[in-house]
Amino acid sequence: GVIVAGRIQDPAQGKAVAALAERLGWPLLA
């Protein structure tokens, strides 16, 4: 899989997305 981070207003939610990408081992395209 791949995780794409688009428009995210809350920095805490953005960090949660990055943490999920690291946990799954999927590439993160932010």
PDB file of all heavy atoms in Angstrom:
ATOM      1  N   GLY A   1       0.800  -1.214   0.000  1.00  0.00           N
ATOM      2  CA  GLY A   1       0.000   0.000   0.000  1.00  0.00           C
ATOM      3  C   GLY A   1       0.830   1.260   0.000  1.00  0.00           C
ATOM      4  O   GLY A   1       2.050   1.233   0.215  1.00  0.00           O
ATOM      5  N   VAL A   2       0.139   2.381  -0.240  1.00  0.00           N
ATOM      6  CA  VAL A   2       0.729   3.716  -0.226  1.00  0.00           C
ATOM      7  C   VAL A   2      -0.185   4.617   0.586  1.00  0.00           C
ATOM      8  O   VAL A   2      -1.409   4.500   0.501  1.00  0.00           O
ATOM      9  CB  VAL A   2       0.874   4.275  -1.652  1.00  0.00           C
ATOM     10  CG1 VAL A   2       1.263   5.747  -1.619  1.00  0.00           C
ATOM     11  CG2 VAL A   2       1.908   3.493  -2.438  1.00  0.00           C
ATOM     12  N   ILE A   3       0.401   5.502   1.376  1.00  0.00           N
ATOM     13  CA  ILE A   3      -0.372   6.508   2.092  1.00  0.00           C
ATOM     14  C   ILE A   3      -0.077   7.882   1.498  1.00  0.00           C
ATOM     15  O   ILE A   3       1.087   8.268   1.345  1.00  0.00           O
ATOM     16  CB  ILE A   3      -0.055   6.496   3.597  1.00  0.00           C
ATOM     17  CG1 ILE A   3      -0.594   5.220   4.253  1.00  0.00           C
ATOM     18  CG2 ILE A   3      -0.648   7.729   4.283  1.00  0.00           C
ATOM     19  CD1 ILE A   3      -0.403   5.156   5.741  1.00  0.00           C
ATOM     20  N   VAL A   4      -1.147   8.584   1.137  1.00  0.00           N
ATOM     21  CA  VAL A   4      -1.032   9.952   0.623  1.00  0.00           C
ATOM     22  C   VAL A   4      -1.667  10.901   1.642  1.00  0.00           C
ATOM     23  O   VAL A   4      -2.786  10.662   2.100  1.00  0.00           O
ATOM     24  CB  VAL A   4      -1.735  10.085  -0.743  1.00  0.00           C
ATOM     25  CG1 VAL A   4      -1.846  11.555  -1.138  1.00  0.00           C
ATOM     26  CG2 VAL A   4      -0.974   9.311  -1.807  1.00  0.00           C
ATOM     27  N   ALA A   5      -0.945  11.937   1.998  1.00  0.00           N
ATOM     28  CA  ALA A   5      -1.469  12.956   2.912  1.00  0.00           C
ATOM     29  C   ALA A   5      -1.749  14.212   2.105  1.00  0.00           C
ATOM     30  O   ALA A   5      -0.829  14.829   1.559  1.00  0.00           O
ATOM     31  CB  ALA A   5      -0.469  13.244   4.032  1.00  0.00           C
ATOM     32  N   GLY A   6      -3.016  14.550   1.985  1.00  0.00           N
ATOM     33  CA  GLY A   6      -3.410  15.764   1.274  1.00  0.00           C
ATOM     34  C   GLY A   6      -3.554  16.926   2.235  1.00  0.00           C
ATOM     35  O   GLY A   6      -2.731  17.115   3.129  1.00  0.00           O
ATOM     36  N   ARG A   7      -4.621  17.676   2.090  1.00  0.00           N
ATOM     37  CA  ARG A   7      -4.839  18.846   2.952  1.00  0.00           C
ATOM     38  C   ARG A   7      -5.287  18.395   4.336  1.00  0.00           C
ATOM     39  O   ARG A   7      -6.376  17.840   4.510  1.00  0.00           O
ATOM     40  CB  ARG A   7      -5.876  19.764   2.328  1.00  0.00           C
ATOM     41  CG  ARG A   7      -6.116  21.039   3.114  1.00  0.00           C
ATOM     42  CD  ARG A   7      -7.120  21.911   2.406  1.00  0.00           C
ATOM     43  NE  ARG A   7      -8.392  21.216   2.199  1.00  0.00           N
ATOM     44  CZ  ARG A   7      -9.368  21.677   1.416  1.00  0.00           C
ATOM     45  NH1 ARG A   7      -9.200  22.790   0.744  1.00  0.00           N
ATOM     46  NH2 ARG A   7     -10.487  21.009   1.293  1.00  0.00           N
ATOM     47  N   ILE A   8      -4.459  18.610   5.345  1.00  0.00           N
ATOM     48  CA  ILE A   8      -4.763  18.273   6.735  1.00  0.00           C
ATOM     49  C   ILE A   8      -4.534  19.529   7.567  1.00  0.00           C
ATOM     50  O   ILE A   8      -3.433  20.069   7.606  1.00  0.00           O
ATOM     51  CB  ILE A   8      -3.871  17.123   7.246  1.00  0.00           C
ATOM     52  CG1 ILE A   8      -4.079  15.861   6.395  1.00  0.00           C
ATOM     53  CG2 ILE A   8      -4.162  16.833   8.717  1.00  0.00           C
ATOM     54  CD1 ILE A   8      -3.148  14.722   6.753  1.00  0.00           C
ATOM     55  N   GLN A   9      -5.559  20.002   8.236  1.00  0.00           N
ATOM     56  CA  GLN A   9      -5.449  21.270   8.952  1.00  0.00           C
ATOM     57  C   GLN A   9      -4.851  21.109  10.344  1.00  0.00           C
ATOM     58  O   GLN A   9      -4.184  22.002  10.851  1.00  0.00           O
ATOM     59  CB  GLN A   9      -6.830  21.920   9.042  1.00  0.00           C
ATOM     60  CG  GLN A   9      -7.392  22.314   7.695  1.00  0.00           C
ATOM     61  CD  GLN A   9      -8.715  23.045   7.804  1.00  0.00           C
ATOM     62  OE1 GLN A   9      -9.269  23.181   8.886  1.00  0.00           O
ATOM     63  NE2 GLN A   9      -9.226  23.521   6.682  1.00  0.00           N
ATOM     64  N   ASP A  10      -5.103  19.972  10.983  1.00  0.00           N
ATOM     65  CA  ASP A  10      -4.649  19.755  12.356  1.00  0.00           C
ATOM     66  C   ASP A  10      -3.275  19.076  12.344  1.00  0.00           C
ATOM     67  O   ASP A  10      -3.140  17.946  11.873  1.00  0.00           O
ATOM     68  CB  ASP A  10      -5.666  18.879  13.093  1.00  0.00           C
ATOM     69  CG  ASP A  10      -5.333  18.722  14.566  1.00  0.00           C
ATOM     70  OD1 ASP A  10      -4.217  19.103  14.979  1.00  0.00           O
ATOM     71  OD2 ASP A  10      -6.182  18.199  15.318  1.00  0.00           O
ATOM     72  N   PRO A  11      -2.225  19.742  12.865  1.00  0.00           N
ATOM     73  CA  PRO A  11      -0.895  19.129  12.876  1.00  0.00           C
ATOM     74  C   PRO A  11      -0.862  17.789  13.611  1.00  0.00           C
ATOM     75  O   PRO A  11      -0.122  16.882  13.212  1.00  0.00           O
ATOM     76  CB  PRO A  11      -0.025  20.179  13.591  1.00  0.00           C
ATOM     77  CG  PRO A  11      -0.746  21.473  13.373  1.00  0.00           C
ATOM     78  CD  PRO A  11      -2.195  21.121  13.381  1.00  0.00           C
ATOM     79  N   ALA A  12      -1.660  17.651  14.662  1.00  0.00           N
ATOM     80  CA  ALA A  12      -1.684  16.383  15.399  1.00  0.00           C
ATOM     81  C   ALA A  12      -2.212  15.250  14.515  1.00  0.00           C
ATOM     82  O   ALA A  12      -1.704  14.117  14.574  1.00  0.00           O
ATOM     83  CB  ALA A  12      -2.546  16.530  16.650  1.00  0.00           C
ATOM     84  N   GLN A  13      -3.210  15.545  13.682  1.00  0.00           N
ATOM     85  CA  GLN A  13      -3.715  14.528  12.763  1.00  0.00           C
ATOM     86  C   GLN A  13      -2.656  14.172  11.722  1.00  0.00           C
ATOM     87  O   GLN A  13      -2.529  13.011  11.328  1.00  0.00           O
ATOM     88  CB  GLN A  13      -4.993  15.022  12.091  1.00  0.00           C
ATOM     89  CG  GLN A  13      -6.168  15.147  13.053  1.00  0.00           C
ATOM     90  CD  GLN A  13      -7.433  15.605  12.342  1.00  0.00           C
ATOM     91  OE1 GLN A  13      -7.425  15.898  11.152  1.00  0.00           O
ATOM     92  NE2 GLN A  13      -8.530  15.681  13.092  1.00  0.00           N
ATOM     93  N   GLY A  14      -1.906  15.172  11.278  1.00  0.00           N
ATOM     94  CA  GLY A  14      -0.828  14.897  10.334  1.00  0.00           C
ATOM     95  C   GLY A  14       0.210  13.962  10.926  1.00  0.00           C
ATOM     96  O   GLY A  14       0.671  13.020  10.268  1.00  0.00           O
ATOM     97  N   LYS A  15       0.583  14.185  12.176  1.00  0.00           N
ATOM     98  CA  LYS A  15       1.559  13.314  12.841  1.00  0.00           C
ATOM     99  C   LYS A  15       1.015  11.902  12.994  1.00  0.00           C
ATOM    100  O   LYS A  15       1.758  10.917  12.887  1.00  0.00           O
ATOM    101  CB  LYS A  15       1.925  13.899  14.197  1.00  0.00           C
ATOM    102  CG  LYS A  15       2.728  15.206  14.118  1.00  0.00           C
ATOM    103  CD  LYS A  15       3.059  15.742  15.502  1.00  0.00           C
ATOM    104  CE  LYS A  15       3.851  17.029  15.399  1.00  0.00           C
ATOM    105  NZ  LYS A  15       4.162  17.607  16.745  1.00  0.00           N
ATOM    106  N   ALA A  16      -0.289  11.801  13.227  1.00  0.00           N
ATOM    107  CA  ALA A  16      -0.902  10.468  13.348  1.00  0.00           C
ATOM    108  C   ALA A  16      -0.832   9.721  12.020  1.00  0.00           C
ATOM    109  O   ALA A  16      -0.618   8.501  11.984  1.00  0.00           O
ATOM    110  CB  ALA A  16      -2.343  10.602  13.815  1.00  0.00           C
ATOM    111  N   VAL A  17      -1.006  10.438  10.914  1.00  0.00           N
ATOM    112  CA  VAL A  17      -0.898   9.813   9.581  1.00  0.00           C
ATOM    113  C   VAL A  17       0.531   9.323   9.342  1.00  0.00           C
ATOM    114  O   VAL A  17       0.744   8.210   8.847  1.00  0.00           O
ATOM    115  CB  VAL A  17      -1.324  10.813   8.495  1.00  0.00           C
ATOM    116  CG1 VAL A  17      -1.009  10.275   7.105  1.00  0.00           C
ATOM    117  CG2 VAL A  17      -2.810  11.114   8.610  1.00  0.00           C
ATOM    118  N   ALA A  18       1.514  10.151   9.706  1.00  0.00           N
ATOM    119  CA  ALA A  18       2.912   9.748   9.541  1.00  0.00           C
ATOM    120  C   ALA A  18       3.233   8.524  10.393  1.00  0.00           C
ATOM    121  O   ALA A  18       3.939   7.610   9.948  1.00  0.00           O
ATOM    122  CB  ALA A  18       3.835  10.913   9.901  1.00  0.00           C
ATOM    123  N   ALA A  19       2.699   8.507  11.604  1.00  0.00           N
ATOM    124  CA  ALA A  19       2.939   7.357  12.482  1.00  0.00           C
ATOM    125  C   ALA A  19       2.307   6.086  11.915  1.00  0.00           C
ATOM    126  O   ALA A  19       2.874   4.991  12.006  1.00  0.00           O
ATOM    127  CB  ALA A  19       2.384   7.643  13.884  1.00  0.00           C
ATOM    128  N   LEU A  20       1.139   6.222  11.305  1.00  0.00           N
ATOM    129  CA  LEU A  20       0.478   5.069  10.691  1.00  0.00           C
ATOM    130  C   LEU A  20       1.306   4.535   9.519  1.00  0.00           C
ATOM    131  O   LEU A  20       1.456   3.316   9.364  1.00  0.00           O
ATOM    132  CB  LEU A  20      -0.914   5.465  10.209  1.00  0.00           C
ATOM    133  CG  LEU A  20      -1.713   4.370   9.485  1.00  0.00           C
ATOM    134  CD1 LEU A  20      -1.980   3.191  10.406  1.00  0.00           C
ATOM    135  CD2 LEU A  20      -3.032   4.938   8.943  1.00  0.00           C
ATOM    136  N   ALA A  21       1.842   5.434   8.709  1.00  0.00           N
ATOM    137  CA  ALA A  21       2.670   5.010   7.583  1.00  0.00           C
ATOM    138  C   ALA A  21       3.901   4.249   8.063  1.00  0.00           C
ATOM    139  O   ALA A  21       4.279   3.213   7.495  1.00  0.00           O
ATOM    140  CB  ALA A  21       3.083   6.223   6.750  1.00  0.00           C
ATOM    141  N   GLU A  22       4.503   4.743   9.147  1.00  0.00           N
ATOM    142  CA  GLU A  22       5.689   4.070   9.692  1.00  0.00           C
ATOM    143  C   GLU A  22       5.321   2.697  10.252  1.00  0.00           C
ATOM    144  O   GLU A  22       6.056   1.715  10.070  1.00  0.00           O
ATOM    145  CB  GLU A  22       6.327   4.946  10.762  1.00  0.00           C
ATOM    146  CG  GLU A  22       7.645   4.402  11.289  1.00  0.00           C
ATOM    147  CD  GLU A  22       8.342   5.379  12.228  1.00  0.00           C
ATOM    148  OE1 GLU A  22       7.700   6.378  12.621  1.00  0.00           O
ATOM    149  OE2 GLU A  22       9.515   5.140  12.556  1.00  0.00           O
ATOM    150  N   ARG A  23       4.165   2.618  10.909  1.00  0.00           N
ATOM    151  CA  ARG A  23       3.759   1.333  11.502  1.00  0.00           C
ATOM    152  C   ARG A  23       3.434   0.303  10.436  1.00  0.00           C
ATOM    153  O   ARG A  23       3.751  -0.877  10.575  1.00  0.00           O
ATOM    154  CB  ARG A  23       2.551   1.555  12.417  1.00  0.00           C
ATOM    155  CG  ARG A  23       2.048   0.282  13.091  1.00  0.00           C
ATOM    156  CD  ARG A  23       1.180   0.609  14.289  1.00  0.00           C
ATOM    157  NE  ARG A  23      -0.005   1.374  13.920  1.00  0.00           N
ATOM    158  CZ  ARG A  23      -1.154   0.813  13.520  1.00  0.00           C
ATOM    159  NH1 ARG A  23      -1.253  -0.504  13.420  1.00  0.00           N
ATOM    160  NH2 ARG A  23      -2.192   1.564  13.237  1.00  0.00           N
ATOM    161  N   LEU A  24       2.789   0.732   9.350  1.00  0.00           N
ATOM    162  CA  LEU A  24       2.435  -0.196   8.282  1.00  0.00           C
ATOM    163  C   LEU A  24       3.608  -0.502   7.363  1.00  0.00           C
ATOM    164  O   LEU A  24       3.587  -1.502   6.636  1.00  0.00           O
ATOM    165  CB  LEU A  24       1.290   0.386   7.445  1.00  0.00           C
ATOM    166  CG  LEU A  24      -0.062   0.553   8.137  1.00  0.00           C
ATOM    167  CD1 LEU A  24      -1.061   1.227   7.198  1.00  0.00           C
ATOM    168  CD2 LEU A  24      -0.603  -0.801   8.596  1.00  0.00           C
ATOM    169  N   GLY A  25       4.619   0.381   7.356  1.00  0.00           N
ATOM    170  CA  GLY A  25       5.733   0.205   6.444  1.00  0.00           C
ATOM    171  C   GLY A  25       5.396   0.584   5.022  1.00  0.00           C
ATOM    172  O   GLY A  25       6.026   0.100   4.076  1.00  0.00           O
ATOM    173  N   TRP A  26       4.398   1.461   4.863  1.00  0.00           N
ATOM    174  CA  TRP A  26       3.978   1.909   3.531  1.00  0.00           C
ATOM    175  C   TRP A  26       4.646   3.241   3.213  1.00  0.00           C
ATOM    176  O   TRP A  26       4.839   4.082   4.117  1.00  0.00           O
ATOM    177  CB  TRP A  26       2.465   2.096   3.465  1.00  0.00           C
ATOM    178  CG  TRP A  26       1.673   0.823   3.525  1.00  0.00           C
ATOM    179  CD1 TRP A  26       2.164  -0.441   3.660  1.00  0.00           C
ATOM    180  CD2 TRP A  26       0.257   0.704   3.459  1.00  0.00           C
ATOM    181  NE1 TRP A  26       1.140  -1.353   3.673  1.00  0.00           N
ATOM    182  CE2 TRP A  26      -0.046  -0.678   3.551  1.00  0.00           C
ATOM    183  CE3 TRP A  26      -0.783   1.609   3.326  1.00  0.00           C
ATOM    184  CZ2 TRP A  26      -1.346  -1.158   3.520  1.00  0.00           C
ATOM    185  CZ3 TRP A  26      -2.084   1.145   3.289  1.00  0.00           C
ATOM    186  CH2 TRP A  26      -2.362  -0.231   3.377  1.00  0.00           C
ATOM    187  N   PRO A  27       4.989   3.487   1.935  1.00  0.00           N
ATOM    188  CA  PRO A  27       5.530   4.803   1.559  1.00  0.00           C
ATOM    189  C   PRO A  27       4.535   5.912   1.884  1.00  0.00           C
ATOM    190  O   PRO A  27       3.331   5.747   1.721  1.00  0.00           O
ATOM    191  CB  PRO A  27       5.737   4.679   0.050  1.00  0.00           C
ATOM    192  CG  PRO A  27       5.789   3.213  -0.226  1.00  0.00           C
ATOM    193  CD  PRO A  27       4.904   2.565   0.791  1.00  0.00           C
ATOM    194  N   LEU A  28       5.056   7.049   2.339  1.00  0.00           N
ATOM    195  CA  LEU A  28       4.234   8.211   2.652  1.00  0.00           C
ATOM    196  C   LEU A  28       4.530   9.305   1.643  1.00  0.00           C
ATOM    197  O   LEU A  28       5.684   9.719   1.470  1.00  0.00           O
ATOM    198  CB  LEU A  28       4.538   8.720   4.065  1.00  0.00           C
ATOM    199  CG  LEU A  28       3.877  10.045   4.462  1.00  0.00           C
ATOM    200  CD1 LEU A  28       2.353   9.907   4.485  1.00  0.00           C
ATOM    201  CD2 LEU A  28       4.388  10.518   5.827  1.00  0.00           C
ATOM    202  N   LEU A  29       3.489   9.776   0.954  1.00  0.00           N
ATOM    203  CA  LEU A  29       3.604  10.862  -0.007  1.00  0.00           C
ATOM    204  C   LEU A  29       2.794  12.026   0.557  1.00  0.00           C
ATOM    205  O   LEU A  29       1.568  12.029   0.491  1.00  0.00           O
ATOM    206  CB  LEU A  29       3.064  10.437  -1.374  1.00  0.00           C
ATOM    207  CG  LEU A  29       3.540   9.078  -1.900  1.00  0.00           C
ATOM    208  CD1 LEU A  29       2.907   8.773  -3.247  1.00  0.00           C
ATOM    209  CD2 LEU A  29       5.059   9.035  -2.001  1.00  0.00           C
ATOM    210  N   ALA A  30       3.490  13.017   1.114  1.00  0.00           N
ATOM    211  CA  ALA A  30       2.818  14.089   1.847  1.00  0.00           C
ATOM    212  C   ALA A  30       2.798  15.380   1.041  1.00  0.00           C
ATOM    213  O   ALA A  30       3.840  15.873   0.599  1.00  0.00           O
ATOM    214  CB  ALA A  30       3.497  14.311   3.201  1.00  0.00           C
TER     215      ALA A  30
END
